[in-house]
Amino acid sequence: MTASTTMTIRVTPDLKEKLGRLAHDTRRSRSWLAAEAVEAYVNRELEIIEGIQRGLADMKAGRVTPHDEAMDRIDAAITAASKNAA
């Protein structure tokens, strides 16, 4: 068994009831489902923040593509894909 700690959160009565239904239907505990949901949310948000930080670091280091150049590349890719599809 992995180590864990206890955390208390406030939810609406409606959400608690829904979580209880889900727990019953999936034969999991409300605690297990809530922990899974929080972990998925935190991991997703951290990925977003880390991506933003990498982008900012690239910008500071000058690793950027001007907007017009990026749009030209996108337009060329769309044109090439359209020709290949035809």
PDB file of N, CA and C in Angstrom:
ATOM      1  N   MET A   1       0.839  -1.187   0.000  1.00  0.00           N
ATOM      2  CA  MET A   1       0.000   0.000   0.000  1.00  0.00           C
ATOM      3  C   MET A   1       0.883   1.250   0.000  1.00  0.00           C
ATOM      4  N   THR A   2       0.541   2.225  -0.828  1.00  0.00           N
ATOM      5  CA  THR A   2       1.335   3.447  -0.882  1.00  0.00           C
ATOM      6  C   THR A   2       0.960   4.370   0.267  1.00  0.00           C
ATOM      7  N   ALA A   3       1.870   5.228   0.636  1.00  0.00           N
ATOM      8  CA  ALA A   3       1.613   6.180   1.702  1.00  0.00           C
ATOM      9  C   ALA A   3       0.573   7.190   1.251  1.00  0.00           C
ATOM     10  N   SER A   4      -0.232   7.653   2.173  1.00  0.00           N
ATOM     11  CA  SER A   4      -1.222   8.670   1.837  1.00  0.00           C
ATOM     12  C   SER A   4      -1.408   9.578   3.037  1.00  0.00           C
ATOM     13  N   THR A   5      -2.101  10.663   2.797  1.00  0.00           N
ATOM     14  CA  THR A   5      -2.411  11.607   3.855  1.00  0.00           C
ATOM     15  C   THR A   5      -3.867  12.017   3.697  1.00  0.00           C
ATOM     16  N   THR A   6      -4.420  12.588   4.732  1.00  0.00           N
ATOM     17  CA  THR A   6      -5.821  12.993   4.717  1.00  0.00           C
ATOM     18  C   THR A   6      -5.924  14.473   4.402  1.00  0.00           C
ATOM     19  N   MET A   7      -6.930  14.809   3.568  1.00  0.00           N
ATOM     20  CA  MET A   7      -7.195  16.192   3.214  1.00  0.00           C
ATOM     21  C   MET A   7      -8.706  16.381   3.227  1.00  0.00           C
ATOM     22  N   THR A   8      -9.167  17.477   3.751  1.00  0.00           N
ATOM     23  CA  THR A   8     -10.592  17.751   3.802  1.00  0.00           C
ATOM     24  C   THR A   8     -10.933  18.815   2.772  1.00  0.00           C
ATOM     25  N   ILE A   9     -12.001  18.578   1.994  1.00  0.00           N
ATOM     26  CA  ILE A   9     -12.459  19.578   1.028  1.00  0.00           C
ATOM     27  C   ILE A   9     -13.956  19.806   1.228  1.00  0.00           C
ATOM     28  N   ARG A  10     -14.425  20.941   0.781  1.00  0.00           N
ATOM     29  CA  ARG A  10     -15.856  21.245   0.836  1.00  0.00           C
ATOM     30  C   ARG A  10     -16.433  21.079  -0.569  1.00  0.00           C
ATOM     31  N   VAL A  11     -17.537  20.377  -0.653  1.00  0.00           N
ATOM     32  CA  VAL A  11     -18.253  20.213  -1.912  1.00  0.00           C
ATOM     33  C   VAL A  11     -19.729  20.474  -1.660  1.00  0.00           C
ATOM     34  N   THR A  12     -20.460  20.724  -2.713  1.00  0.00           N
ATOM     35  CA  THR A  12     -21.898  20.924  -2.574  1.00  0.00           C
ATOM     36  C   THR A  12     -22.565  19.593  -2.234  1.00  0.00           C
ATOM     37  N   PRO A  13     -23.719  19.655  -1.589  1.00  0.00           N
ATOM     38  CA  PRO A  13     -24.447  18.411  -1.320  1.00  0.00           C
ATOM     39  C   PRO A  13     -24.748  17.631  -2.605  1.00  0.00           C
ATOM     40  N   ASP A  14     -25.036  18.350  -3.681  1.00  0.00           N
ATOM     41  CA  ASP A  14     -25.327  17.700  -4.962  1.00  0.00           C
ATOM     42  C   ASP A  14     -24.112  16.916  -5.468  1.00  0.00           C
ATOM     43  N   LEU A  15     -22.931  17.526  -5.398  1.00  0.00           N
ATOM     44  CA  LEU A  15     -21.723  16.831  -5.843  1.00  0.00           C
ATOM     45  C   LEU A  15     -21.429  15.629  -4.956  1.00  0.00           C
ATOM     46  N   LYS A  16     -21.637  15.781  -3.657  1.00  0.00           N
ATOM     47  CA  LYS A  16     -21.407  14.656  -2.743  1.00  0.00           C
ATOM     48  C   LYS A  16     -22.340  13.503  -3.083  1.00  0.00           C
ATOM     49  N   GLU A  17     -23.577  13.814  -3.409  1.00  0.00           N
ATOM     50  CA  GLU A  17     -24.546  12.776  -3.767  1.00  0.00           C
ATOM     51  C   GLU A  17     -24.143  12.088  -5.064  1.00  0.00           C
ATOM     52  N   LYS A  18     -23.723  12.867  -6.058  1.00  0.00           N
ATOM     53  CA  LYS A  18     -23.281  12.298  -7.332  1.00  0.00           C
ATOM     54  C   LYS A  18     -22.054  11.408  -7.129  1.00  0.00           C
ATOM     55  N   LEU A  19     -21.131  11.874  -6.319  1.00  0.00           N
ATOM     56  CA  LEU A  19     -19.934  11.091  -6.031  1.00  0.00           C
ATOM     57  C   LEU A  19     -20.313   9.781  -5.344  1.00  0.00           C
ATOM     58  N   GLY A  20     -21.285   9.856  -4.458  1.00  0.00           N
ATOM     59  CA  GLY A  20     -21.763   8.655  -3.785  1.00  0.00           C
ATOM     60  C   GLY A  20     -22.391   7.665  -4.763  1.00  0.00           C
ATOM     61  N   ARG A  21     -23.179   8.177  -5.708  1.00  0.00           N
ATOM     62  CA  ARG A  21     -23.772   7.309  -6.734  1.00  0.00           C
ATOM     63  C   ARG A  21     -22.695   6.658  -7.576  1.00  0.00           C
ATOM     64  N   LEU A  22     -21.711   7.465  -7.991  1.00  0.00           N
ATOM     65  CA  LEU A  22     -20.618   6.931  -8.794  1.00  0.00           C
ATOM     66  C   LEU A  22     -19.836   5.880  -8.019  1.00  0.00           C
ATOM     67  N   ALA A  23     -19.585   6.149  -6.765  1.00  0.00           N
ATOM     68  CA  ALA A  23     -18.858   5.195  -5.930  1.00  0.00           C
ATOM     69  C   ALA A  23     -19.634   3.878  -5.838  1.00  0.00           C
ATOM     70  N   HIS A  24     -20.925   3.981  -5.619  1.00  0.00           N
ATOM     71  CA  HIS A  24     -21.753   2.776  -5.515  1.00  0.00           C
ATOM     72  C   HIS A  24     -21.733   2.002  -6.830  1.00  0.00           C
ATOM     73  N   ASP A  25     -21.950   2.707  -7.936  1.00  0.00           N
ATOM     74  CA  ASP A  25     -22.044   2.058  -9.244  1.00  0.00           C
ATOM     75  C   ASP A  25     -20.720   1.433  -9.695  1.00  0.00           C
ATOM     76  N   THR A  26     -19.608   2.026  -9.282  1.00  0.00           N
ATOM     77  CA  THR A  26     -18.292   1.511  -9.698  1.00  0.00           C
ATOM     78  C   THR A  26     -17.648   0.636  -8.628  1.00  0.00           C
ATOM     79  N   ARG A  27     -18.334   0.522  -7.488  1.00  0.00           N
ATOM     80  CA  ARG A  27     -17.827  -0.253  -6.357  1.00  0.00           C
ATOM     81  C   ARG A  27     -16.448   0.246  -5.911  1.00  0.00           C
ATOM     82  N   ARG A  28     -16.315   1.550  -5.909  1.00  0.00           N
ATOM     83  CA  ARG A  28     -15.119   2.231  -5.390  1.00  0.00           C
ATOM     84  C   ARG A  28     -15.572   3.129  -4.246  1.00  0.00           C
ATOM     85  N   SER A  29     -14.629   3.563  -3.429  1.00  0.00           N
ATOM     86  CA  SER A  29     -14.996   4.486  -2.353  1.00  0.00           C
ATOM     87  C   SER A  29     -15.036   5.912  -2.895  1.00  0.00           C
ATOM     88  N   ARG A  30     -15.808   6.771  -2.231  1.00  0.00           N
ATOM     89  CA  ARG A  30     -15.828   8.190  -2.613  1.00  0.00           C
ATOM     90  C   ARG A  30     -14.431   8.771  -2.493  1.00  0.00           C
ATOM     91  N   SER A  31     -13.714   8.376  -1.462  1.00  0.00           N
ATOM     92  CA  SER A  31     -12.363   8.880  -1.244  1.00  0.00           C
ATOM     93  C   SER A  31     -11.450   8.512  -2.410  1.00  0.00           C
ATOM     94  N   TRP A  32     -11.519   7.261  -2.861  1.00  0.00           N
ATOM     95  CA  TRP A  32     -10.674   6.809  -3.962  1.00  0.00           C
ATOM     96  C   TRP A  32     -10.993   7.596  -5.233  1.00  0.00           C
ATOM     97  N   LEU A  33     -12.287   7.754  -5.532  1.00  0.00           N
ATOM     98  CA  LEU A  33     -12.686   8.489  -6.732  1.00  0.00           C
ATOM     99  C   LEU A  33     -12.247   9.951  -6.660  1.00  0.00           C
ATOM    100  N   ALA A  34     -12.425  10.570  -5.510  1.00  0.00           N
ATOM    101  CA  ALA A  34     -12.032  11.971  -5.356  1.00  0.00           C
ATOM    102  C   ALA A  34     -10.520  12.131  -5.511  1.00  0.00           C
ATOM    103  N   ALA A  35      -9.758  11.213  -4.936  1.00  0.00           N
ATOM    104  CA  ALA A  35      -8.298  11.284  -5.059  1.00  0.00           C
ATOM    105  C   ALA A  35      -7.872  11.130  -6.517  1.00  0.00           C
ATOM    106  N   GLU A  36      -8.505  10.207  -7.247  1.00  0.00           N
ATOM    107  CA  GLU A  36      -8.201  10.023  -8.664  1.00  0.00           C
ATOM    108  C   GLU A  36      -8.512  11.289  -9.457  1.00  0.00           C
ATOM    109  N   ALA A  37      -9.652  11.908  -9.171  1.00  0.00           N
ATOM    110  CA  ALA A  37     -10.051  13.121  -9.880  1.00  0.00           C
ATOM    111  C   ALA A  37      -9.097  14.276  -9.585  1.00  0.00           C
ATOM    112  N   VAL A  38      -8.729  14.443  -8.328  1.00  0.00           N
ATOM    113  CA  VAL A  38      -7.802  15.518  -7.960  1.00  0.00           C
ATOM    114  C   VAL A  38      -6.447  15.280  -8.615  1.00  0.00           C
ATOM    115  N   GLU A  39      -5.976  14.047  -8.606  1.00  0.00           N
ATOM    116  CA  GLU A  39      -4.676  13.754  -9.222  1.00  0.00           C
ATOM    117  C   GLU A  39      -4.690  14.054 -10.718  1.00  0.00           C
ATOM    118  N   ALA A  40      -5.751  13.651 -11.410  1.00  0.00           N
ATOM    119  CA  ALA A  40      -5.845  13.911 -12.848  1.00  0.00           C
ATOM    120  C   ALA A  40      -5.864  15.418 -13.120  1.00  0.00           C
ATOM    121  N   TYR A  41      -6.632  16.167 -12.325  1.00  0.00           N
ATOM    122  CA  TYR A  41      -6.710  17.616 -12.491  1.00  0.00           C
ATOM    123  C   TYR A  41      -5.355  18.278 -12.247  1.00  0.00           C
ATOM    124  N   VAL A  42      -4.702  17.912 -11.151  1.00  0.00           N
ATOM    125  CA  VAL A  42      -3.412  18.511 -10.817  1.00  0.00           C
ATOM    126  C   VAL A  42      -2.374  18.196 -11.886  1.00  0.00           C
ATOM    127  N   ASN A  43      -2.321  16.951 -12.340  1.00  0.00           N
ATOM    128  CA  ASN A  43      -1.352  16.581 -13.375  1.00  0.00           C
ATOM    129  C   ASN A  43      -1.586  17.363 -14.659  1.00  0.00           C
ATOM    130  N   ARG A  44      -2.858  17.510 -15.057  1.00  0.00           N
ATOM    131  CA  ARG A  44      -3.180  18.253 -16.285  1.00  0.00           C
ATOM    132  C   ARG A  44      -2.789  19.726 -16.144  1.00  0.00           C
ATOM    133  N   GLU A  45      -3.119  20.323 -15.016  1.00  0.00           N
ATOM    134  CA  GLU A  45      -2.795  21.737 -14.810  1.00  0.00           C
ATOM    135  C   GLU A  45      -1.286  21.964 -14.752  1.00  0.00           C
ATOM    136  N   LEU A  46      -0.561  21.051 -14.111  1.00  0.00           N
ATOM    137  CA  LEU A  46       0.900  21.180 -14.061  1.00  0.00           C
ATOM    138  C   LEU A  46       1.511  21.083 -15.453  1.00  0.00           C
ATOM    139  N   GLU A  47       0.994  20.194 -16.296  1.00  0.00           N
ATOM    140  CA  GLU A  47       1.486  20.095 -17.675  1.00  0.00           C
ATOM    141  C   GLU A  47       1.280  21.411 -18.413  1.00  0.00           C
ATOM    142  N   ILE A  48       0.127  22.033 -18.215  1.00  0.00           N
ATOM    143  CA  ILE A  48      -0.158  23.317 -18.865  1.00  0.00           C
ATOM    144  C   ILE A  48       0.824  24.381 -18.380  1.00  0.00           C
ATOM    145  N   ILE A  49       0.995  24.491 -17.077  1.00  0.00           N
ATOM    146  CA  ILE A  49       1.891  25.503 -16.512  1.00  0.00           C
ATOM    147  C   ILE A  49       3.328  25.269 -16.963  1.00  0.00           C
ATOM    148  N   GLU A  50       3.761  24.007 -16.967  1.00  0.00           N
ATOM    149  CA  GLU A  50       5.129  23.706 -17.409  1.00  0.00           C
ATOM    150  C   GLU A  50       5.312  24.044 -18.884  1.00  0.00           C
ATOM    151  N   GLY A  51       4.298  23.815 -19.697  1.00  0.00           N
ATOM    152  CA  GLY A  51       4.370  24.183 -21.109  1.00  0.00           C
ATOM    153  C   GLY A  51       4.492  25.683 -21.294  1.00  0.00           C
ATOM    154  N   ILE A  52       3.737  26.422 -20.506  1.00  0.00           N
ATOM    155  CA  ILE A  52       3.824  27.887 -20.563  1.00  0.00           C
ATOM    156  C   ILE A  52       5.220  28.340 -20.145  1.00  0.00           C
ATOM    157  N   GLN A  53       5.747  27.743 -19.088  1.00  0.00           N
ATOM    158  CA  GLN A  53       7.091  28.117 -18.628  1.00  0.00           C
ATOM    159  C   GLN A  53       8.153  27.800 -19.680  1.00  0.00           C
ATOM    160  N   ARG A  54       8.007  26.652 -20.374  1.00  0.00           N
ATOM    161  CA  ARG A  54       8.960  26.330 -21.447  1.00  0.00           C
ATOM    162  C   ARG A  54       8.848  27.352 -22.577  1.00  0.00           C
ATOM    163  N   GLY A  55       7.627  27.736 -22.897  1.00  0.00           N
ATOM    164  CA  GLY A  55       7.429  28.736 -23.938  1.00  0.00           C
ATOM    165  C   GLY A  55       8.040  30.077 -23.570  1.00  0.00           C
ATOM    166  N   LEU A  56       7.861  30.487 -22.334  1.00  0.00           N
ATOM    167  CA  LEU A  56       8.458  31.749 -21.885  1.00  0.00           C
ATOM    168  C   LEU A  56       9.980  31.680 -21.919  1.00  0.00           C
ATOM    169  N   ALA A  57      10.531  30.531 -21.533  1.00  0.00           N
ATOM    170  CA  ALA A  57      11.991  30.368 -21.588  1.00  0.00           C
ATOM    171  C   ALA A  57      12.478  30.430 -23.028  1.00  0.00           C
ATOM    172  N   ASP A  58      11.745  29.790 -23.951  1.00  0.00           N
ATOM    173  CA  ASP A  58      12.107  29.862 -25.367  1.00  0.00           C
ATOM    174  C   ASP A  58      12.066  31.307 -25.854  1.00  0.00           C
ATOM    175  N   MET A  59      11.038  32.027 -25.447  1.00  0.00           N
ATOM    176  CA  MET A  59      10.911  33.422 -25.871  1.00  0.00           C
ATOM    177  C   MET A  59      12.092  34.246 -25.362  1.00  0.00           C
ATOM    178  N   LYS A  60      12.450  34.068 -24.092  1.00  0.00           N
ATOM    179  CA  LYS A  60      13.570  34.812 -23.524  1.00  0.00           C
ATOM    180  C   LYS A  60      14.886  34.470 -24.209  1.00  0.00           C
ATOM    181  N   ALA A  61      15.014  33.221 -24.669  1.00  0.00           N
ATOM    182  CA  ALA A  61      16.241  32.777 -25.334  1.00  0.00           C
ATOM    183  C   ALA A  61      16.233  33.087 -26.829  1.00  0.00           C
ATOM    184  N   GLY A  62      15.155  33.681 -27.304  1.00  0.00           N
ATOM    185  CA  GLY A  62      15.079  34.046 -28.721  1.00  0.00           C
ATOM    186  C   GLY A  62      14.677  32.906 -29.632  1.00  0.00           C
ATOM    187  N   ARG A  63      14.198  31.816 -29.063  1.00  0.00           N
ATOM    188  CA  ARG A  63      13.761  30.676 -29.877  1.00  0.00           C
ATOM    189  C   ARG A  63      12.284  30.853 -30.235  1.00  0.00           C
ATOM    190  N   VAL A  64      12.031  31.802 -31.130  1.00  0.00           N
ATOM    191  CA  VAL A  64      10.663  32.107 -31.527  1.00  0.00           C
ATOM    192  C   VAL A  64      10.561  32.191 -33.047  1.00  0.00           C
ATOM    193  N   THR A  65       9.359  32.056 -33.556  1.00  0.00           N
ATOM    194  CA  THR A  65       9.086  32.229 -34.977  1.00  0.00           C
ATOM    195  C   THR A  65       8.120  33.399 -35.104  1.00  0.00           C
ATOM    196  N   PRO A  66       8.458  34.403 -35.910  1.00  0.00           N
ATOM    197  CA  PRO A  66       7.547  35.533 -36.085  1.00  0.00           C
ATOM    198  C   PRO A  66       6.182  35.061 -36.604  1.00  0.00           C
ATOM    199  N   HIS A  67       5.145  35.770 -36.241  1.00  0.00           N
ATOM    200  CA  HIS A  67       3.778  35.401 -36.595  1.00  0.00           C
ATOM    201  C   HIS A  67       3.599  35.200 -38.098  1.00  0.00           C
ATOM    202  N   ASP A  68       4.075  36.158 -38.881  1.00  0.00           N
ATOM    203  CA  ASP A  68       3.898  36.061 -40.338  1.00  0.00           C
ATOM    204  C   ASP A  68       4.554  34.805 -40.903  1.00  0.00           C
ATOM    205  N   GLU A  69       5.743  34.475 -40.399  1.00  0.00           N
ATOM    206  CA  GLU A  69       6.441  33.273 -40.861  1.00  0.00           C
ATOM    207  C   GLU A  69       5.674  32.014 -40.460  1.00  0.00           C
ATOM    208  N   ALA A  70       5.161  32.003 -39.242  1.00  0.00           N
ATOM    209  CA  ALA A  70       4.383  30.846 -38.779  1.00  0.00           C
ATOM    210  C   ALA A  70       3.130  30.678 -39.638  1.00  0.00           C
ATOM    211  N   MET A  71       2.468  31.774 -39.949  1.00  0.00           N
ATOM    212  CA  MET A  71       1.249  31.698 -40.773  1.00  0.00           C
ATOM    213  C   MET A  71       1.578  31.228 -42.189  1.00  0.00           C
ATOM    214  N   ASP A  72       2.705  31.677 -42.726  1.00  0.00           N
ATOM    215  CA  ASP A  72       3.131  31.210 -44.053  1.00  0.00           C
ATOM    216  C   ASP A  72       3.355  29.698 -44.047  1.00  0.00           C
ATOM    217  N   ARG A  73       3.972  29.184 -43.001  1.00  0.00           N
ATOM    218  CA  ARG A  73       4.208  27.734 -42.882  1.00  0.00           C
ATOM    219  C   ARG A  73       2.888  26.972 -42.793  1.00  0.00           C
ATOM    220  N   ILE A  74       1.972  27.506 -42.013  1.00  0.00           N
ATOM    221  CA  ILE A  74       0.663  26.851 -41.867  1.00  0.00           C
ATOM    222  C   ILE A  74      -0.078  26.849 -43.191  1.00  0.00           C
ATOM    223  N   ASP A  75      -0.086  27.998 -43.874  1.00  0.00           N
ATOM    224  CA  ASP A  75      -0.755  28.078 -45.179  1.00  0.00           C
ATOM    225  C   ASP A  75      -0.146  27.095 -46.169  1.00  0.00           C
ATOM    226  N   ALA A  76       1.179  26.973 -46.167  1.00  0.00           N
ATOM    227  CA  ALA A  76       1.852  26.044 -47.077  1.00  0.00           C
ATOM    228  C   ALA A  76       1.474  24.601 -46.740  1.00  0.00           C
ATOM    229  N   ALA A  77       1.388  24.282 -45.467  1.00  0.00           N
ATOM    230  CA  ALA A  77       1.009  22.923 -45.064  1.00  0.00           C
ATOM    231  C   ALA A  77      -0.424  22.621 -45.477  1.00  0.00           C
ATOM    232  N   ILE A  78      -1.307  23.588 -45.335  1.00  0.00           N
ATOM    233  CA  ILE A  78      -2.707  23.395 -45.746  1.00  0.00           C
ATOM    234  C   ILE A  78      -2.795  23.203 -47.250  1.00  0.00           C
ATOM    235  N   THR A  79      -2.062  24.006 -47.998  1.00  0.00           N
ATOM    236  CA  THR A  79      -2.060  23.886 -49.471  1.00  0.00           C
ATOM    237  C   THR A  79      -1.537  22.517 -49.886  1.00  0.00           C
ATOM    238  N   ALA A  80      -0.439  22.078 -49.275  1.00  0.00           N
ATOM    239  CA  ALA A  80       0.135  20.772 -49.606  1.00  0.00           C
ATOM    240  C   ALA A  80      -0.838  19.650 -49.252  1.00  0.00           C
ATOM    241  N   ALA A  81      -1.487  19.767 -48.124  1.00  0.00           N
ATOM    242  CA  ALA A  81      -2.441  18.716 -47.724  1.00  0.00           C
ATOM    243  C   ALA A  81      -3.630  18.696 -48.661  1.00  0.00           C
ATOM    244  N   SER A  82      -4.073  19.856 -49.097  1.00  0.00           N
ATOM    245  CA  SER A  82      -5.204  19.920 -50.043  1.00  0.00           C
ATOM    246  C   SER A  82      -4.851  19.282 -51.373  1.00  0.00           C
ATOM    247  N   LYS A  83      -3.620  19.516 -51.820  1.00  0.00           N
ATOM    248  CA  LYS A  83      -3.176  18.923 -53.090  1.00  0.00           C
ATOM    249  C   LYS A  83      -3.065  17.402 -52.963  1.00  0.00           C
ATOM    250  N   ASN A  84      -2.582  16.923 -51.821  1.00  0.00           N
ATOM    251  CA  ASN A  84      -2.446  15.482 -51.608  1.00  0.00           C
ATOM    252  C   ASN A  84      -3.795  14.796 -51.484  1.00  0.00           C
ATOM    253  N   ALA A  85      -4.779  15.514 -50.975  1.00  0.00           N
ATOM    254  CA  ALA A  85      -6.114  14.940 -50.792  1.00  0.00           C
ATOM    255  C   ALA A  85      -6.863  14.842 -52.124  1.00  0.00           C
ATOM    256  N   ALA A  86      -6.482  15.675 -53.067  1.00  0.00           N
ATOM    257  CA  ALA A  86      -7.189  15.723 -54.359  1.00  0.00           C
ATOM    258  C   ALA A  86      -6.798  14.589 -55.281  1.00  0.00           C
TER     259      ALA A  86
END
